[in-house]
N, C-alpha and C. Protein backbone atom coordinates (compact mmCIF):
# COMPACT_ATOMS: atom_id res chain seq x y z
N MET A 1 106.75 99.96 108.46
CA MET A 1 106.15 100.94 107.67
C MET A 1 106.90 101.12 106.75
N ASN A 2 106.46 101.29 105.54
CA ASN A 2 107.76 101.70 104.76
C ASN A 2 108.48 103.69 105.78
N SER A 3 109.67 103.53 105.44
CA SER A 3 110.76 104.14 105.69
C SER A 3 110.33 105.77 105.54
N THR A 4 109.63 105.79 104.08
CA THR A 4 110.10 107.00 102.78
C THR A 4 108.05 107.63 103.89
N PHE A 5 107.71 106.47 103.58
CA PHE A 5 105.94 106.48 103.90
C PHE A 5 105.91 107.35 105.74
N VAL A 6 106.48 106.96 106.16
CA VAL A 6 106.94 107.41 108.32
C VAL A 6 107.59 108.84 107.72
N LYS A 7 108.76 109.01 107.10
CA LYS A 7 109.27 110.35 106.80
C LYS A 7 108.19 111.61 106.46
N ILE A 8 107.04 110.73 104.91
CA ILE A 8 105.70 111.96 104.57
C ILE A 8 105.08 112.09 106.05
N ILE A 9 104.75 111.36 106.30
CA ILE A 9 103.58 111.78 108.11
C ILE A 9 104.23 112.64 108.75
N GLN A 10 105.77 112.10 109.05
CA GLN A 10 106.35 113.30 110.17
C GLN A 10 106.75 114.70 109.39
N ALA A 11 106.40 114.60 107.80
CA ALA A 11 106.92 116.18 107.59
C ALA A 11 105.44 116.72 107.57
N LEU A 12 104.48 115.88 107.28
CA LEU A 12 102.66 116.68 107.50
C LEU A 12 102.52 116.97 108.99
N VAL A 13 102.90 116.06 109.47
CA VAL A 13 102.85 116.69 111.41
C VAL A 13 103.13 117.50 111.96
N ILE A 14 104.83 117.87 110.91
CA ILE A 14 105.34 119.12 110.98
C ILE A 14 104.87 120.36 110.64
N LEU A 15 104.17 120.22 109.48
CA LEU A 15 104.01 121.05 108.66
C LEU A 15 102.44 122.25 109.46
N ALA A 16 101.94 120.96 109.19
CA ALA A 16 100.28 121.04 110.36
C ALA A 16 100.48 121.66 111.50
N MET A 17 100.96 121.13 112.60
CA MET A 17 100.86 121.49 113.67
C MET A 17 101.15 123.00 113.76
N PRO A 18 101.81 124.01 113.47
CA PRO A 18 101.27 125.44 113.69
C PRO A 18 100.10 125.49 113.53
N ILE A 19 99.55 125.21 112.30
CA ILE A 19 98.47 126.05 112.06
C ILE A 19 97.81 125.70 113.01
N PHE A 20 97.77 124.27 113.30
CA PHE A 20 96.37 123.58 113.91
C PHE A 20 96.44 124.65 115.60
N LEU A 21 97.63 124.59 116.01
CA LEU A 21 97.65 125.52 117.31
C LEU A 21 97.24 126.77 117.26
N LEU A 22 97.53 127.32 115.95
CA LEU A 22 97.70 128.53 116.15
C LEU A 22 96.52 129.10 115.85
N LEU A 23 95.40 128.62 115.19
CA LEU A 23 93.52 128.54 114.87
C LEU A 23 93.27 128.21 115.65
N THR A 24 93.32 126.89 116.53
CA THR A 24 93.12 126.09 117.78
C THR A 24 93.11 127.63 118.82
N ALA A 25 93.95 128.84 118.93
CA ALA A 25 94.36 129.45 119.60
C ALA A 25 93.19 130.90 119.17
N GLY A 26 93.14 130.88 118.23
CA GLY A 26 92.07 131.96 118.07
C GLY A 26 91.06 131.89 118.29
N HIS A 27 90.33 130.34 117.78
CA HIS A 27 89.59 130.15 117.97
C HIS A 27 88.94 130.52 119.37
N LEU A 28 89.46 130.11 120.35
CA LEU A 28 89.36 130.02 121.86
C LEU A 28 88.87 131.40 122.16
N VAL A 29 90.11 132.51 121.40
CA VAL A 29 89.43 133.82 121.90
C VAL A 29 88.67 134.50 121.48
N ILE A 30 88.04 133.89 120.65
CA ILE A 30 86.71 134.13 119.86
C ILE A 30 85.44 133.75 120.56
N ASN A 31 85.59 134.02 121.88
CA ASN A 31 84.51 133.93 123.19
C ASN A 31 84.07 135.12 124.28
N VAL A 32 83.35 134.31 124.81
CA VAL A 32 82.34 135.73 125.62
C VAL A 32 83.73 136.56 126.50
N TRP A 33 84.57 135.21 127.17
CA TRP A 33 85.19 135.26 128.34
C TRP A 33 86.34 136.14 127.91
N TYR A 34 87.01 136.15 126.79
CA TYR A 34 88.43 136.97 126.15
C TYR A 34 87.25 138.28 126.22
N LEU A 35 86.39 138.42 125.85
CA LEU A 35 85.62 139.99 125.83
C LEU A 35 85.59 140.75 127.41
N GLN A 36 84.94 139.76 128.63
CA GLN A 36 84.96 139.95 130.19
C GLN A 36 86.58 140.05 130.47
N TYR A 37 87.49 139.46 129.67
CA TYR A 37 88.99 139.26 130.59
C TYR A 37 89.54 141.33 129.51
N GLU A 38 89.59 141.37 128.69
CA GLU A 38 90.22 142.82 127.89
C GLU A 38 89.00 143.43 128.28
N TYR A 39 87.98 143.67 128.37
CA TYR A 39 86.73 145.25 128.81
C TYR A 39 87.13 145.28 129.95
N GLY A 40 87.67 144.43 131.20
CA GLY A 40 87.67 144.06 132.24
C GLY A 40 89.51 145.19 132.87
N LYS A 41 90.42 145.32 131.80
CA LYS A 41 91.38 145.29 132.18
C LYS A 41 90.86 146.70 132.63
N PRO A 42 91.88 147.11 133.72
CA PRO A 42 91.88 148.69 134.06
C PRO A 42 92.27 149.64 133.31
N ASP A 43 93.26 149.26 132.27
CA ASP A 43 94.02 150.51 131.75
C ASP A 43 93.47 150.25 130.50
N PHE A 44 92.30 149.76 130.23
CA PHE A 44 92.15 149.46 128.91
C PHE A 44 91.22 150.63 128.10
N PRO A 45 91.28 151.24 127.37
CA PRO A 45 91.35 152.44 126.93
C PRO A 45 89.31 152.96 126.60
N ALA A 46 89.18 153.93 127.30
CA ALA A 46 87.53 154.06 127.24
C ALA A 46 87.13 154.28 125.97
N ASP A 47 85.92 154.39 125.92
CA ASP A 47 85.62 155.00 124.48
C ASP A 47 85.16 156.31 124.68
N ASP A 48 85.64 157.33 123.74
CA ASP A 48 85.22 158.68 123.29
C ASP A 48 83.88 159.09 123.12
N TYR A 49 82.97 158.24 122.78
CA TYR A 49 81.93 158.59 122.56
C TYR A 49 80.40 157.96 123.64
N GLY A 50 81.29 157.44 124.49
CA GLY A 50 79.74 157.04 125.61
C GLY A 50 79.53 155.47 125.92
N PHE A 51 80.42 154.55 125.48
CA PHE A 51 80.16 153.27 125.55
C PHE A 51 80.89 153.00 126.77
N THR A 52 79.66 152.63 128.25
CA THR A 52 80.31 151.86 128.94
C THR A 52 81.25 150.53 128.53
N GLN A 53 82.43 150.10 129.72
CA GLN A 53 82.21 148.65 129.10
C GLN A 53 81.81 147.66 129.73
N ALA A 54 81.04 147.85 130.06
CA ALA A 54 79.92 146.55 130.51
C ALA A 54 78.78 146.31 129.52
N GLN A 55 78.67 147.87 128.35
CA GLN A 55 77.79 147.39 127.08
C GLN A 55 78.96 147.19 125.89
N ARG A 56 80.15 147.23 126.52
CA ARG A 56 80.45 146.92 125.15
C ARG A 56 80.50 145.47 125.43
N VAL A 57 80.46 144.77 126.45
CA VAL A 57 80.60 143.69 126.55
C VAL A 57 79.26 142.62 125.88
N GLU A 58 78.45 143.74 126.69
CA GLU A 58 77.25 142.82 126.00
C GLU A 58 76.94 143.39 124.81
N LEU A 59 77.25 144.47 123.84
CA LEU A 59 76.85 144.45 122.56
C LEU A 59 78.11 143.35 121.56
N ALA A 60 79.35 143.61 122.49
CA ALA A 60 80.34 142.59 121.97
C ALA A 60 80.36 140.93 121.66
N THR A 61 79.56 140.80 122.45
CA THR A 61 78.62 139.44 122.78
C THR A 61 77.64 138.37 121.85
N GLY A 62 76.80 139.92 120.81
CA GLY A 62 76.26 139.72 119.58
C GLY A 62 77.14 139.55 118.33
N SER A 63 78.71 139.64 118.04
CA SER A 63 79.33 139.54 117.17
C SER A 63 80.08 138.31 118.16
N ILE A 64 80.38 137.66 118.78
CA ILE A 64 80.53 136.25 119.39
C ILE A 64 79.65 135.42 118.83
N ARG A 65 78.44 135.65 119.27
CA ARG A 65 76.98 135.09 118.79
C ARG A 65 77.45 134.61 117.61
N PHE A 66 77.40 135.84 116.29
CA PHE A 66 77.41 135.99 115.00
C PHE A 66 78.50 134.29 114.79
N LEU A 67 79.48 135.12 114.96
CA LEU A 67 80.49 134.49 114.69
C LEU A 67 80.66 132.93 114.98
N GLN A 68 80.38 132.41 115.95
CA GLN A 68 80.14 131.00 116.57
C GLN A 68 78.95 130.33 115.86
N SER A 69 78.28 131.10 115.05
CA SER A 69 76.38 130.91 114.72
C SER A 69 77.20 129.73 113.37
N PRO A 70 76.62 128.55 113.58
CA PRO A 70 76.39 127.66 112.67
C PRO A 70 76.03 127.87 111.23
N ASP A 71 74.87 129.37 111.30
CA ASP A 71 74.40 129.19 109.98
C ASP A 71 75.49 130.26 109.34
N PRO A 72 75.07 129.64 107.50
CA PRO A 72 75.94 130.83 106.84
C PRO A 72 75.84 132.46 107.21
N ALA A 73 77.00 133.51 106.71
CA ALA A 73 77.05 134.82 106.92
C ALA A 73 75.95 135.57 106.62
N GLU A 74 75.30 135.44 105.49
CA GLU A 74 74.46 136.13 104.91
C GLU A 74 72.81 135.73 105.86
N VAL A 75 72.98 134.45 106.55
CA VAL A 75 71.77 134.40 107.20
C VAL A 75 71.95 134.81 108.90
N ALA A 76 73.53 134.54 109.74
CA ALA A 76 73.42 134.67 110.96
C ALA A 76 73.44 136.39 111.15
N VAL A 77 73.81 137.28 110.05
CA VAL A 77 74.49 139.00 109.67
C VAL A 77 73.10 139.19 111.22
N LYS A 78 71.25 138.29 110.72
CA LYS A 78 70.72 138.88 111.44
C LYS A 78 70.76 139.55 112.93
N ILE A 79 71.70 138.19 113.30
CA ILE A 79 71.94 138.66 114.93
C ILE A 79 72.57 140.31 115.15
N LEU A 80 73.48 140.70 114.47
CA LEU A 80 74.34 141.85 114.67
C LEU A 80 72.93 142.89 114.29
N ALA A 81 72.26 143.04 112.90
CA ALA A 81 71.38 144.16 112.18
C ALA A 81 70.70 144.31 113.30
N ASP A 82 69.79 142.82 114.41
CA ASP A 82 68.72 143.17 115.37
C ASP A 82 69.39 144.11 116.28
N GLN A 83 70.96 144.48 116.27
CA GLN A 83 71.69 145.12 117.61
C GLN A 83 71.05 146.74 117.22
N GLN A 84 70.53 147.07 118.66
CA GLN A 84 70.34 148.71 118.62
C GLN A 84 71.56 149.26 119.42
N LEU A 85 71.60 150.89 118.95
CA LEU A 85 72.52 151.69 120.15
C LEU A 85 71.85 151.58 121.41
N PRO A 86 72.71 151.53 122.65
CA PRO A 86 72.07 151.71 123.52
C PRO A 86 71.04 153.17 123.30
N LEU A 87 69.94 153.64 124.41
CA LEU A 87 69.48 154.71 124.45
C LEU A 87 69.30 155.47 122.90
N PHE A 88 69.19 154.91 121.50
CA PHE A 88 68.70 155.07 120.44
C PHE A 88 68.20 154.14 119.72
N ASN A 89 67.18 154.49 118.95
CA ASN A 89 65.97 153.88 118.09
C ASN A 89 67.22 153.51 116.90
N ARG A 90 68.27 153.17 116.89
CA ARG A 90 68.46 153.09 115.48
C ARG A 90 69.96 152.42 115.67
N PRO A 91 70.23 151.33 114.61
CA PRO A 91 70.81 150.20 114.44
C PRO A 91 72.38 150.66 115.08
N LEU A 92 72.75 149.25 115.56
CA LEU A 92 74.34 149.66 115.97
C LEU A 92 75.18 149.49 115.23
N PHE A 93 74.86 148.62 113.81
CA PHE A 93 75.93 148.42 113.15
C PHE A 93 75.34 149.22 111.61
N SER A 94 76.47 150.13 110.57
CA SER A 94 75.89 150.74 109.44
C SER A 94 75.61 149.24 108.62
N LYS A 95 75.53 149.44 106.85
CA LYS A 95 75.33 148.52 106.53
C LYS A 95 77.03 148.15 105.70
N GLU A 96 77.84 149.09 105.95
CA GLU A 96 79.32 148.66 105.62
C GLU A 96 79.89 147.88 106.63
N GLU A 97 79.36 148.12 107.82
CA GLU A 97 80.00 147.46 109.00
C GLU A 97 79.11 146.22 108.74
N LEU A 98 78.22 145.88 109.07
CA LEU A 98 77.44 144.70 108.74
C LEU A 98 78.31 143.64 107.61
N SER A 99 78.19 143.89 106.19
CA SER A 99 78.95 143.82 104.98
C SER A 99 80.63 143.78 105.69
N HIS A 100 81.27 143.74 106.21
CA HIS A 100 82.44 144.01 106.54
C HIS A 100 82.44 142.54 107.52
N MET A 101 81.38 142.47 108.64
CA MET A 101 81.73 141.31 109.30
C MET A 101 81.19 140.22 108.65
N ILE A 102 79.96 140.41 107.80
CA ILE A 102 79.96 138.88 106.86
C ILE A 102 80.83 138.23 106.16
N ASP A 103 81.97 139.47 105.47
CA ASP A 103 83.42 139.11 105.22
C ASP A 103 84.28 138.22 106.18
N VAL A 104 83.70 139.02 107.51
CA VAL A 104 85.04 138.58 108.48
C VAL A 104 84.41 137.10 108.71
N LYS A 105 83.08 136.60 108.63
CA LYS A 105 82.10 135.27 109.22
C LYS A 105 82.58 134.33 108.10
N ARG A 106 82.83 135.01 106.89
CA ARG A 106 83.31 134.04 105.72
C ARG A 106 84.75 133.40 106.17
N PHE A 107 85.88 134.16 106.36
CA PHE A 107 87.18 133.75 106.25
C PHE A 107 87.08 133.16 107.63
N THR A 108 86.62 133.51 108.68
CA THR A 108 86.54 132.73 109.91
C THR A 108 86.26 131.49 109.80
N ASP A 109 85.09 131.20 109.27
CA ASP A 109 84.50 129.59 108.50
C ASP A 109 85.31 129.07 108.13
N ILE A 110 85.94 129.65 107.27
CA ILE A 110 87.31 128.94 106.32
C ILE A 110 88.12 128.63 107.16
N LEU A 111 88.71 129.03 108.48
CA LEU A 111 89.67 128.97 108.87
C LEU A 111 89.93 127.75 109.74
N TRP A 112 88.30 127.68 110.51
CA TRP A 112 88.34 126.56 111.19
C TRP A 112 88.04 125.34 110.20
N ARG A 113 87.45 125.52 109.63
CA ARG A 113 87.88 123.85 108.87
C ARG A 113 89.24 123.07 108.56
N VAL A 114 89.86 124.65 108.00
CA VAL A 114 91.62 124.57 108.22
C VAL A 114 91.81 123.89 109.24
N GLN A 115 91.26 124.65 110.86
CA GLN A 115 91.60 124.02 112.07
C GLN A 115 91.63 122.42 111.78
N TYR A 116 90.48 122.30 111.55
CA TYR A 116 89.94 121.09 111.88
C TYR A 116 91.05 119.78 111.07
N LEU A 117 91.09 120.02 109.65
CA LEU A 117 91.67 119.58 108.76
C LEU A 117 93.49 119.72 109.30
N ALA A 118 94.14 120.86 109.96
CA ALA A 118 95.23 120.67 110.46
C ALA A 118 95.28 119.54 112.21
N GLY A 119 94.47 119.83 112.49
CA GLY A 119 94.20 118.72 113.59
C GLY A 119 93.92 117.97 113.23
N LEU A 120 93.30 116.80 112.69
CA LEU A 120 93.65 115.52 111.79
C LEU A 120 94.67 115.00 111.85
N ILE A 121 95.38 115.95 110.88
CA ILE A 121 96.57 115.93 110.04
C ILE A 121 97.62 115.66 110.99
N ALA A 122 97.77 116.62 112.15
CA ALA A 122 99.25 116.50 113.16
C ALA A 122 98.96 115.39 114.08
N ILE A 123 97.43 115.56 114.52
CA ILE A 123 97.17 114.44 115.44
C ILE A 123 96.94 113.14 115.12
N GLY A 124 96.28 113.28 114.03
CA GLY A 124 96.23 111.59 113.08
C GLY A 124 97.59 110.95 113.09
N GLY A 125 98.80 111.75 112.24
CA GLY A 125 99.69 111.32 111.85
C GLY A 125 100.44 111.06 113.27
N LEU A 126 100.54 111.70 114.54
CA LEU A 126 101.04 111.29 115.51
C LEU A 126 100.49 110.31 116.48
N VAL A 127 99.19 110.16 116.22
CA VAL A 127 98.49 109.08 116.61
C VAL A 127 99.66 107.53 116.05
N LEU A 128 98.96 107.66 114.89
CA LEU A 128 99.42 106.61 113.59
C LEU A 128 100.80 105.80 114.15
N LEU A 129 101.92 107.08 114.02
CA LEU A 129 103.34 106.73 114.59
C LEU A 129 103.38 106.25 115.38
N LEU A 130 102.57 106.22 117.12
CA LEU A 130 102.83 106.09 117.71
C LEU A 130 102.19 104.94 118.33
N ALA A 131 101.28 104.63 117.78
CA ALA A 131 100.35 103.54 117.97
C ALA A 131 101.46 102.32 117.84
N ILE A 132 102.19 102.65 116.90
CA ILE A 132 103.07 101.03 115.84
C ILE A 132 104.53 101.08 117.03
N ARG A 133 104.63 100.14 117.20
CA ARG A 133 105.87 100.32 118.17
C ARG A 133 107.15 100.40 117.57
N GLY A 134 107.67 99.78 116.43
CA GLY A 134 108.63 100.18 114.84
C GLY A 134 108.66 101.67 114.78
N THR A 135 107.58 102.37 114.65
CA THR A 135 107.61 103.81 114.17
C THR A 135 107.31 104.91 115.52
N ARG A 136 107.63 104.11 116.76
CA ARG A 136 107.37 105.23 118.10
C ARG A 136 108.09 105.81 118.26
N TRP A 137 109.38 106.22 117.87
CA TRP A 137 111.16 107.16 118.18
C TRP A 137 110.58 107.47 116.69
N ASP A 138 109.79 107.46 115.50
CA ASP A 138 109.97 108.39 114.91
C ASP A 138 108.80 109.30 115.50
N GLY A 139 108.08 108.73 115.56
CA GLY A 139 106.35 109.81 116.49
C GLY A 139 107.39 110.95 117.24
N TYR A 140 108.03 110.40 118.33
CA TYR A 140 108.71 111.09 119.07
C TYR A 140 109.30 112.34 118.50
N ARG A 141 109.97 112.43 117.58
CA ARG A 141 110.67 112.68 116.98
C ARG A 141 109.70 113.87 116.42
N ALA A 142 108.92 113.53 115.61
CA ALA A 142 107.36 113.97 114.58
C ALA A 142 107.27 115.21 115.90
N LEU A 143 107.08 114.41 117.46
CA LEU A 143 106.37 115.31 118.31
C LEU A 143 107.46 117.00 118.32
N PHE A 144 108.36 116.54 118.84
CA PHE A 144 109.55 116.94 118.85
C PHE A 144 110.35 118.37 117.39
N TRP A 145 110.05 118.14 116.64
CA TRP A 145 110.22 118.88 115.26
C TRP A 145 109.07 120.21 115.10
N SER A 146 107.51 119.35 115.32
CA SER A 146 106.58 120.25 115.20
C SER A 146 106.56 121.44 116.05
N GLY A 147 107.09 120.84 117.62
CA GLY A 147 106.98 122.04 118.56
C GLY A 147 107.89 122.78 118.05
N ALA A 148 109.53 122.05 117.85
CA ALA A 148 110.44 123.34 117.26
C ALA A 148 109.85 124.49 116.17
N PHE A 149 109.13 123.61 114.82
CA PHE A 149 109.03 124.74 113.72
C PHE A 149 107.98 125.33 114.25
N THR A 150 107.09 125.16 114.84
CA THR A 150 105.95 125.57 115.78
C THR A 150 106.39 127.12 116.80
N THR A 151 107.81 126.66 117.54
CA THR A 151 108.20 127.94 118.17
C THR A 151 109.04 128.51 117.57
N GLY A 152 109.56 128.17 116.26
CA GLY A 152 110.46 129.39 115.54
C GLY A 152 109.41 130.11 113.95
N VAL A 153 107.87 129.51 113.88
CA VAL A 153 106.88 130.22 113.44
C VAL A 153 106.33 131.44 114.48
N LEU A 154 106.30 131.07 115.47
CA LEU A 154 105.45 132.05 116.49
C LEU A 154 106.48 132.84 117.34
N LEU A 155 108.06 132.46 117.29
CA LEU A 155 109.04 133.71 117.63
C LEU A 155 108.99 134.48 116.17
N PHE A 156 108.76 134.51 114.69
CA PHE A 156 108.91 135.53 113.66
C PHE A 156 107.61 136.27 114.13
N LEU A 157 106.26 135.84 114.35
CA LEU A 157 105.28 136.12 114.77
C LEU A 157 104.99 137.31 115.98
N THR A 158 106.09 136.80 116.59
CA THR A 158 105.75 137.26 118.16
C THR A 158 106.74 139.00 117.75
N PHE A 159 107.63 138.00 117.51
CA PHE A 159 108.39 139.55 117.13
C PHE A 159 107.90 140.59 116.24
N PHE A 160 107.26 140.09 115.15
CA PHE A 160 106.48 140.99 114.29
C PHE A 160 105.31 141.95 114.72
N VAL A 161 104.43 141.44 115.73
CA VAL A 161 103.35 141.49 116.10
C VAL A 161 104.37 142.79 117.39
N LEU A 162 104.99 142.49 118.21
CA LEU A 162 105.18 143.34 118.93
C LEU A 162 105.93 144.43 119.04
N VAL A 163 106.88 144.38 117.75
CA VAL A 163 107.82 145.13 116.76
C VAL A 163 107.18 146.25 116.13
N SER A 164 106.21 145.73 115.21
CA SER A 164 105.76 146.21 113.94
C SER A 164 103.77 145.97 113.91
N TRP A 165 103.53 146.16 114.96
CA TRP A 165 101.72 145.60 114.77
C TRP A 165 100.80 146.77 113.87
N GLN A 166 101.51 147.62 113.70
CA GLN A 166 100.20 148.74 112.70
C GLN A 166 100.85 147.49 111.35
N MET A 167 101.78 147.58 111.08
CA MET A 167 101.85 146.86 109.66
C MET A 167 101.50 145.34 109.80
N PHE A 168 101.28 144.71 110.52
CA PHE A 168 101.18 142.79 111.02
C PHE A 168 99.32 143.29 110.22
N PHE A 169 98.41 144.55 111.49
CA PHE A 169 97.77 144.46 111.06
C PHE A 169 97.03 144.73 110.08
N VAL A 170 97.50 145.91 109.46
CA VAL A 170 97.66 146.70 108.07
C VAL A 170 97.54 145.11 106.52
N THR A 171 98.82 144.26 106.30
CA THR A 171 98.93 143.54 105.78
C THR A 171 98.11 142.58 106.10
N PHE A 172 97.54 142.01 107.13
CA PHE A 172 96.33 141.06 107.38
C PHE A 172 95.23 141.01 106.57
N HIS A 173 94.56 142.19 107.13
CA HIS A 173 93.68 142.85 106.39
C HIS A 173 93.77 142.99 104.43
N GLU A 174 94.58 143.61 104.26
CA GLU A 174 94.73 143.78 102.64
C GLU A 174 95.11 142.08 102.32
N LEU A 175 95.22 141.46 103.08
CA LEU A 175 95.48 140.03 102.55
C LEU A 175 94.52 139.65 102.19
N PHE A 176 93.25 139.20 103.01
CA PHE A 176 92.54 138.55 103.29
C PHE A 176 90.97 139.53 103.12
N PHE A 177 91.21 140.57 102.91
CA PHE A 177 89.88 141.65 102.45
C PHE A 177 89.79 142.40 101.93
N PRO A 178 88.33 142.58 100.81
CA PRO A 178 88.88 143.46 99.71
C PRO A 178 89.39 145.21 100.40
N PRO A 179 90.06 145.91 99.05
CA PRO A 179 90.39 147.05 99.86
C PRO A 179 88.97 147.86 100.57
N GLY A 180 90.01 148.61 101.06
CA GLY A 180 88.08 149.94 101.03
C GLY A 180 86.72 149.35 101.87
N THR A 181 87.32 147.99 102.17
CA THR A 181 85.98 147.47 103.29
C THR A 181 86.41 147.13 104.60
N TRP A 182 87.21 147.43 105.14
CA TRP A 182 87.93 147.25 106.60
C TRP A 182 88.20 148.67 107.23
N THR A 183 88.03 149.25 106.37
CA THR A 183 88.80 150.74 107.09
C THR A 183 87.38 151.61 107.95
N PHE A 184 86.92 151.98 109.11
CA PHE A 184 86.11 153.20 109.51
C PHE A 184 85.91 153.94 110.20
N ASP A 185 85.44 155.00 110.52
CA ASP A 185 85.51 155.77 111.53
C ASP A 185 85.71 156.01 112.71
N TYR A 186 86.25 156.76 113.55
CA TYR A 186 86.70 156.57 114.76
C TYR A 186 85.26 155.95 115.67
N SER A 187 84.31 157.44 115.08
CA SER A 187 83.22 157.03 115.20
C SER A 187 81.84 155.59 115.28
N SER A 188 82.44 154.79 114.50
CA SER A 188 81.96 153.61 114.34
C SER A 188 81.43 152.72 115.29
N SER A 189 80.69 152.05 115.53
CA SER A 189 80.77 151.20 116.48
C SER A 189 81.65 149.99 116.41
N LEU A 190 81.89 149.30 115.56
CA LEU A 190 83.20 148.81 115.32
C LEU A 190 84.47 148.91 115.66
N ILE A 191 84.78 150.15 116.01
CA ILE A 191 85.69 150.71 116.13
C ILE A 191 85.59 151.09 117.86
N ARG A 192 84.62 151.67 118.21
CA ARG A 192 84.15 151.73 119.68
C ARG A 192 84.22 150.51 120.35
N LEU A 193 84.01 149.22 119.51
CA LEU A 193 83.91 147.94 120.30
C LEU A 193 85.41 147.35 120.12
N TYR A 194 85.77 147.71 119.11
CA TYR A 194 87.19 146.67 118.97
C TYR A 194 88.43 147.84 118.34
N PRO A 195 88.37 149.06 119.13
CA PRO A 195 89.77 149.71 119.20
C PRO A 195 91.12 148.83 119.12
N ASP A 196 92.00 149.85 118.54
CA ASP A 196 93.52 148.69 118.32
C ASP A 196 94.17 148.27 119.19
N ARG A 197 93.69 148.51 120.59
CA ARG A 197 94.53 148.00 121.99
C ARG A 197 93.91 146.55 121.91
N PHE A 198 92.10 146.14 121.43
CA PHE A 198 91.46 145.41 121.88
C PHE A 198 92.93 144.06 120.36
N TRP A 199 92.39 144.41 119.82
CA TRP A 199 93.26 143.29 118.56
C TRP A 199 94.63 143.37 118.78
N PHE A 200 95.34 144.59 119.16
CA PHE A 200 96.81 144.08 119.47
C PHE A 200 97.43 142.89 120.52
N ASP A 201 96.14 143.29 121.92
CA ASP A 201 95.88 141.99 122.94
C ASP A 201 96.04 140.71 122.61
N ALA A 202 94.72 140.69 121.67
CA ALA A 202 94.48 139.75 120.91
C ALA A 202 95.54 138.99 120.53
N GLY A 203 96.12 139.37 119.42
CA GLY A 203 96.95 138.75 119.23
C GLY A 203 97.83 138.63 119.76
N THR A 204 98.69 139.49 120.55
CA THR A 204 99.55 138.70 121.41
C THR A 204 99.04 137.79 122.35
N LEU A 205 98.34 137.71 123.00
CA LEU A 205 98.01 136.55 123.63
C LEU A 205 97.84 134.74 122.51
N ILE A 206 97.33 135.02 121.75
CA ILE A 206 97.42 134.44 120.68
C ILE A 206 98.72 133.66 120.39
N THR A 207 99.56 134.70 119.74
CA THR A 207 100.94 134.53 119.29
C THR A 207 101.39 133.92 120.76
N MET A 208 101.81 134.74 121.74
CA MET A 208 102.83 133.94 122.99
C MET A 208 101.95 132.74 123.47
N GLY A 209 100.51 132.37 123.30
CA GLY A 209 100.57 131.51 124.04
C GLY A 209 100.54 130.19 122.88
N THR A 210 100.32 130.54 122.19
CA THR A 210 100.59 129.18 120.82
C THR A 210 102.51 128.94 120.97
N LEU A 211 103.11 129.89 121.26
CA LEU A 211 104.85 129.79 121.19
C LEU A 211 104.64 128.72 122.23
N LEU A 212 104.03 129.30 123.55
CA LEU A 212 104.83 128.45 124.64
C LEU A 212 104.07 127.06 124.73
N VAL A 213 103.07 126.58 124.17
CA VAL A 213 102.71 125.42 123.14
C VAL A 213 103.43 124.94 122.79
N GLY A 214 103.95 125.32 121.78
CA GLY A 214 104.99 124.96 120.88
C GLY A 214 106.36 124.49 121.40
N ILE A 215 106.73 125.67 122.95
CA ILE A 215 108.45 125.10 123.34
C ILE A 215 107.68 123.50 124.33
N GLY A 216 106.51 123.70 124.64
CA GLY A 216 106.24 122.51 125.63
C GLY A 216 105.60 121.16 124.78
N ILE A 217 105.54 121.11 123.32
CA ILE A 217 105.03 120.30 122.84
C ILE A 217 106.67 119.82 122.31
N SER A 218 107.90 120.30 122.00
CA SER A 218 109.32 120.11 121.87
C SER A 218 109.83 119.70 122.70
N ALA A 219 109.87 120.44 124.10
CA ALA A 219 109.90 119.78 125.13
C ALA A 219 109.91 117.84 125.78
N VAL A 220 108.39 118.07 125.12
CA VAL A 220 107.78 116.62 125.71
C VAL A 220 108.66 115.52 124.03
N GLY A 221 108.47 115.74 123.96
CA GLY A 221 108.92 115.22 122.12
C GLY A 221 110.74 114.68 122.57
N HIS A 222 111.11 116.04 123.09
CA HIS A 222 112.91 115.90 123.10
C HIS A 222 113.18 114.56 124.28
N LEU A 223 112.15 115.01 125.77
CA LEU A 223 112.09 113.87 126.60
C LEU A 223 112.19 112.53 126.28
N LEU A 224 110.94 112.22 125.81
CA LEU A 224 110.21 110.42 125.13
C LEU A 224 111.36 110.55 124.07
N SER A 225 111.93 111.03 123.24
CA SER A 225 112.86 110.32 121.92
C SER A 225 114.17 110.24 122.70
N ARG A 226 114.87 110.76 124.18
CA ARG A 226 115.83 110.63 124.64
C ARG A 226 115.54 109.33 125.53
N ARG A 227 114.35 109.44 125.84
CA ARG A 227 114.06 108.03 126.82
C ARG A 227 114.18 106.44 126.17
N ALA A 228 113.76 106.89 124.76
CA ALA A 228 113.26 105.53 124.05
C ALA A 228 115.22 105.25 123.35
N ARG A 229 115.36 106.22 123.27
CA ARG A 229 117.07 106.09 122.52
C ARG A 229 118.00 105.62 123.93
N ARG A 230 117.73 105.76 125.10
CA ARG A 230 118.23 104.70 126.38
C ARG A 230 117.62 103.33 126.00
N GLN A 231 116.51 103.47 125.81
CA GLN A 231 115.99 102.28 126.26
C GLN A 231 117.08 101.08 124.95
N ARG A 232 116.81 101.48 124.17
CA ARG A 232 117.53 101.02 122.87
C ARG A 232 118.47 100.09 123.27
N THR A 233 119.50 101.15 123.86
CA THR A 233 120.66 101.05 124.37
C THR A 233 120.89 100.03 125.39
N THR A 234 120.03 99.57 126.46
CA THR A 234 120.17 98.96 127.40
C THR A 234 119.89 97.71 127.08
C-alpha cells in the first residue's frame, strides 16, 4: 500500500476516534438505565415542586423514548405532548419546552449520524491497516495515537467539566441552540426532571468513561506495536 495513503488513513483514524468514542458514550447514556442510576442516588437533589424520584424516572422515560424514536422530531414529539402531570389533567411540558425538545432531537439525530460516520472511519481504517501484513505495524501505531489523541482531548474536556461546568454548559447550549430557547424557570418540568446535577453527572460520566477507553486503546496500541517491533528484530 502506498505510504502516503497509509499516512492519510492513520490521520483519519486518529481524528475520528475521539469523536466516535465520545458520541458512543453519549448515546449509551441516553437510556433508561442512566435515569434509574442517577435518580437512584441517595444524594440526588429532590424536586422542590413534588415529583418523587420514581415519578421522575417514569416521566423522563418518555424523553428517552422520544430521543430514541426513528421518526422525525416533529412527529416523535407527540410522545412528549401526550404526557400529563401526575395528579393534574394538563400537559407535562409547555409549548416552549416541546419546541426545545424538538431542537434537541434534531441535534442528537445529527450527532448519531456523525457517530456512525466517525465509527466507520475509525474502525474501517484500522481494519484496513491491520488486515494487510505490510501495514499491520502502521495499524498498531494508528491505534496507539488515536488512543493518545482521545486521551488528550478528554483530559481537556474533563478539566473543563470539573473546573468550569457552568461555563461549559452555557457555551455548549449557546453554540448549538437558538438564544433564549433553552432557558426555563425552575418550576418547569424540564428543570424539575433534569436539574443541573443531572447534566453535571452525565457530563462527568461521559468524559471520564471516554477518557478511560482512550487510555486503554493507547495502551493496547503501544503493546502491539512494541511486540511487532521485537518480532521484526528477531
